[in-house]
Every structure is written in C-alpha cells, then in structure tokens.
Amino acid sequence: MDEVFLRTLHNNDLENTHLWHSGQEIYRSLVGSFRYVSQDAEKGLLEKKAEYSKDEINLVVCLVSNDQAIGLIPVCEIDWIPRQGHLTGFLIDDPEHQGKGHGAKSLNLMLKHCIKDLGLNRIWSHILIENEISLKVFKKCGFHVEGHLKQQAFKDGYFRDVILVGLCAEDYFSLKEAK
C-alpha cells in the first residue's frame, strides 16, 4: 500500500482542485452541495485557501511514492478560545486511490497536526447518514458519534440527515497510548 503525506495547498494545484470540485460524483458522499465552478473562480478560491490563515488549514493528500496529489483534507472554523476546529471532510479523488487506507492515514496525519502541533482540543465533522464508509474511517481514527442532525443537508432533491462526530485531545492521546 502506498503511504501518504500531507502538504500545504499551492497555487499550482489549480488543475487538481478544479477537477475535484467539478466532480458531481464526489459530492454525492459529501455534506456540501455541488456547484459548478469556473476555472477562474477556482483560481480565486485556491489563491485564498493557499494563503496563511489562523482560522483554517487546507492540506493536500499526496502519495509518498511519486508525490501525486490524490485529495484534500481541510480543517476550518478554528476557534482558539475552545481550541476546536471543523474538519469539513476529506476527499480522495479517484476510485483507484479509494479503499486503500489513504483516508484514515490522512485523517490521522491531520489529527496529529491539529492536536499535537497546534494544541487544538477538539475536532468535529459532519457526515451524511448514508456515508457508512466515511463514518467507519472516522470511528477507526477515534471519533465518536455526538449527534444526529435531522434534514441537515440537501442532496439530489432531498433533505438528508447528518451525523455529528467529534474527537477530543484526551481521547486521541488515550487511543495513541493504547496502540
């Protein structure tokens, strides 16, 4: 299995990010709604996301073997008073790279950065109720189901329920000590 690493988002990631954000199929499993995005709009968004921010972290998931960018993992809405952040989901781009543990590995790398490097106390995320694969990955990485949000997302013409998951630093460290 290829190992993965995380790196910062760069302006030269435009081709990949535009492809990922333009893929309607990818959005079927994400809470957010699909929107058509022009390459010019994507360029502006990418430039903003690639800048330093104390409120969010936008990292690219890459294969160690060839540095190929295969996805994104962002933590947004970082609130430094309660020291928490919203992991808005992780994205592994292509079925060729899915189901190989890259999601769990990239999630663990992001958790390590957020909790050990930045000192965040809690990371939380929303998952579509039918996205059992993502829920399994989050649970594997130590997240707990904290709530059920009825009709929180609008997908394919219907309102969908969303599961709220979270992980606190003490649970993260307990899990790491147990291994």
Protein backbone atom coordinates (compact mmCIF):
# COMPACT_ATOMS: atom_id res chain seq x y z
CA MET A 1 0.00 0.00 0.00
CA ASP A 2 1.26 3.44 -0.89
CA GLU A 3 1.87 5.68 2.08
CA VAL A 4 0.59 9.24 2.04
CA PHE A 5 1.80 12.56 3.34
CA LEU A 6 0.17 15.96 3.70
CA ARG A 7 1.46 19.19 2.26
CA THR A 8 0.21 22.73 2.01
CA LEU A 9 -2.09 23.76 -0.79
CA HIS A 10 -0.25 25.63 -3.58
CA ASN A 11 -1.45 27.89 -6.37
CA ASN A 12 -0.11 25.32 -8.84
CA ASP A 13 -2.73 22.81 -7.57
CA LEU A 14 -5.35 24.52 -9.74
CA GLU A 15 -5.77 21.70 -12.24
CA ASN A 16 -6.38 19.15 -9.49
CA THR A 17 -8.63 21.27 -7.28
CA HIS A 18 -10.76 22.36 -10.23
CA LEU A 19 -11.13 18.74 -11.30
CA TRP A 20 -12.05 17.66 -7.76
CA HIS A 21 -14.51 20.50 -7.19
CA SER A 22 -16.11 19.91 -10.59
CA GLY A 23 -16.83 16.24 -9.96
CA GLN A 24 -20.52 15.80 -9.23
CA GLU A 25 -19.98 12.18 -8.23
CA ILE A 26 -17.60 13.17 -5.44
CA TYR A 27 -20.24 15.45 -3.91
CA ARG A 28 -22.76 12.61 -3.59
CA SER A 29 -20.92 11.45 -0.44
CA LEU A 30 -20.15 14.92 0.98
CA VAL A 31 -22.45 17.09 3.10
CA GLY A 32 -21.88 20.19 0.96
CA SER A 33 -23.84 20.85 -2.20
CA PHE A 34 -22.34 20.55 -5.67
CA ARG A 35 -21.95 23.82 -7.53
CA TYR A 36 -20.47 24.43 -10.94
CA VAL A 37 -17.23 26.37 -10.55
CA SER A 38 -15.37 28.02 -13.40
CA GLN A 39 -11.62 27.66 -13.53
CA ASP A 40 -11.32 31.43 -12.92
CA ALA A 41 -13.47 31.19 -9.78
CA GLU A 42 -11.49 28.13 -8.67
CA LYS A 43 -8.25 30.07 -9.17
CA GLY A 44 -9.50 32.85 -6.89
CA LEU A 45 -10.65 30.36 -4.25
CA LEU A 46 -7.38 28.46 -4.45
CA GLU A 47 -5.33 31.64 -4.02
CA LYS A 48 -7.34 32.47 -0.90
CA LYS A 49 -7.12 28.92 0.53
CA ALA A 50 -3.37 28.74 -0.17
CA GLU A 51 -2.70 31.86 1.94
CA TYR A 52 -1.74 31.58 5.59
CA SER A 53 -4.75 31.63 7.90
CA LYS A 54 -5.05 31.20 11.64
CA ASP A 55 -8.67 30.09 11.14
CA GLU A 56 -8.21 27.19 8.72
CA ILE A 57 -5.79 24.58 7.43
CA ASN A 58 -6.04 23.33 3.84
CA LEU A 59 -3.75 20.40 3.07
CA VAL A 60 -3.28 18.17 0.05
CA VAL A 61 -3.03 14.39 0.40
CA CYS A 62 -0.12 13.03 -1.69
CA LEU A 63 1.36 9.62 -2.38
CA VAL A 64 4.85 9.15 -0.96
CA SER A 65 5.92 7.01 -3.94
CA ASN A 66 5.53 9.72 -6.58
CA ASP A 67 4.29 12.94 -4.86
CA GLN A 68 0.98 12.64 -6.76
CA ALA A 69 -1.79 14.76 -5.24
CA ILE A 70 -4.79 12.49 -4.64
CA GLY A 71 -7.04 14.55 -2.39
CA LEU A 72 -7.73 17.30 0.10
CA ILE A 73 -8.24 17.49 3.86
CA PRO A 74 -9.27 20.86 5.36
CA VAL A 75 -9.93 21.97 8.93
CA CYS A 76 -11.90 25.22 9.03
CA GLU A 77 -13.67 27.40 11.56
CA ILE A 78 -10.80 27.05 14.03
CA ASP A 79 -11.88 28.73 17.25
CA TRP A 80 -8.91 29.40 19.51
CA ILE A 81 -10.93 30.02 22.67
CA PRO A 82 -12.35 26.46 22.99
CA ARG A 83 -9.47 25.27 20.76
CA GLN A 84 -11.58 23.38 18.26
CA GLY A 85 -11.88 23.03 14.52
CA HIS A 86 -14.32 21.72 11.93
CA LEU A 87 -12.85 19.04 9.70
CA THR A 88 -15.04 19.68 6.68
CA GLY A 89 -14.35 16.22 5.31
CA PHE A 90 -11.56 14.60 3.44
CA LEU A 91 -11.58 13.85 -0.23
CA ILE A 92 -9.70 11.10 -2.03
CA ASP A 93 -10.19 11.89 -5.70
CA ASP A 94 -10.28 8.75 -7.73
CA PRO A 95 -11.67 5.24 -7.20
CA GLU A 96 -8.17 3.96 -7.99
CA HIS A 97 -6.97 5.56 -4.71
CA GLN A 98 -10.05 4.80 -2.60
CA GLY A 99 -10.39 1.82 -0.29
CA LYS A 100 -6.63 1.64 0.30
CA GLY A 101 -6.49 3.28 3.72
CA HIS A 102 -5.45 6.70 2.40
CA GLY A 103 -8.43 8.40 4.06
CA ALA A 104 -7.64 7.01 7.51
CA LYS A 105 -3.93 7.74 7.13
CA SER A 106 -4.51 11.33 6.00
CA LEU A 107 -7.08 11.85 8.78
CA ASN A 108 -4.59 10.58 11.37
CA LEU A 109 -1.89 12.88 9.98
CA MET A 110 -4.25 15.86 10.17
CA LEU A 111 -5.29 14.95 13.73
CA LYS A 112 -1.65 14.72 14.77
CA HIS A 113 -1.00 18.18 13.31
CA CYS A 114 -4.10 19.76 14.85
CA ILE A 115 -3.78 18.21 18.30
CA LYS A 116 -0.04 17.74 18.82
CA ASP A 117 1.37 20.64 16.79
CA LEU A 118 -1.35 23.28 17.17
CA GLY A 119 -2.80 22.27 20.53
CA LEU A 120 -6.42 22.01 19.43
CA ASN A 121 -8.61 20.19 21.94
CA ARG A 122 -11.46 19.05 19.72
CA ILE A 123 -12.03 18.25 16.06
CA TRP A 124 -15.55 17.70 14.77
CA SER A 125 -17.15 16.83 11.46
CA HIS A 126 -20.46 16.22 9.73
CA ILE A 127 -21.10 13.01 7.75
CA LEU A 128 -24.11 12.14 5.60
CA ILE A 129 -26.01 9.39 7.39
CA GLU A 130 -25.75 7.07 4.40
CA ASN A 131 -21.96 7.57 4.07
CA GLU A 132 -21.06 4.46 6.04
CA ILE A 133 -17.52 4.33 4.63
CA SER A 134 -16.62 7.78 6.00
CA LEU A 135 -18.27 7.02 9.33
CA LYS A 136 -16.20 3.84 9.58
CA VAL A 137 -12.97 5.77 8.83
CA PHE A 138 -13.77 8.45 11.43
CA LYS A 139 -14.57 5.82 14.07
CA LYS A 140 -11.36 3.94 13.21
CA CYS A 141 -9.47 7.18 13.92
CA GLY A 142 -11.13 7.57 17.34
CA PHE A 143 -14.10 9.83 16.61
CA HIS A 144 -17.36 9.31 18.50
CA VAL A 145 -20.87 9.93 17.24
CA GLU A 146 -22.06 13.01 19.15
CA GLY A 147 -25.36 13.68 17.48
CA HIS A 148 -27.85 13.21 14.69
CA LEU A 149 -28.92 16.29 12.75
CA LYS A 150 -32.26 15.74 11.07
CA GLN A 151 -32.54 17.01 7.47
CA GLN A 152 -29.31 19.00 7.76
CA ALA A 153 -28.14 18.57 4.15
CA PHE A 154 -29.88 18.97 0.79
CA LYS A 155 -28.71 16.36 -1.73
CA ASP A 156 -30.22 15.20 -5.02
CA GLY A 157 -33.51 16.99 -4.36
CA TYR A 158 -33.98 15.64 -0.83
CA PHE A 159 -33.09 16.73 2.68
CA ARG A 160 -30.71 14.24 4.29
CA ASP A 161 -29.80 13.52 7.88
CA VAL A 162 -26.25 14.16 9.05
CA ILE A 163 -24.22 12.56 11.83
CA LEU A 164 -22.07 14.80 14.02
CA VAL A 165 -18.78 13.17 15.05
CA GLY A 166 -16.08 14.55 17.29
CA LEU A 167 -12.75 13.72 18.85
CA CYS A 168 -11.22 15.38 21.91
CA ALA A 169 -7.48 15.51 22.56
CA GLU A 170 -7.73 13.29 25.66
CA ASP A 171 -9.39 10.56 23.58
CA TYR A 172 -6.79 11.00 20.84
CA PHE A 173 -3.92 10.56 23.33
CA SER A 174 -5.66 7.60 25.03
CA LEU A 175 -6.04 5.89 21.68
CA LYS A 176 -2.40 6.50 20.77
CA GLU A 177 -1.20 5.17 24.17
CA ALA A 178 -3.28 2.01 23.73
CA LYS A 179 -1.51 1.17 20.44
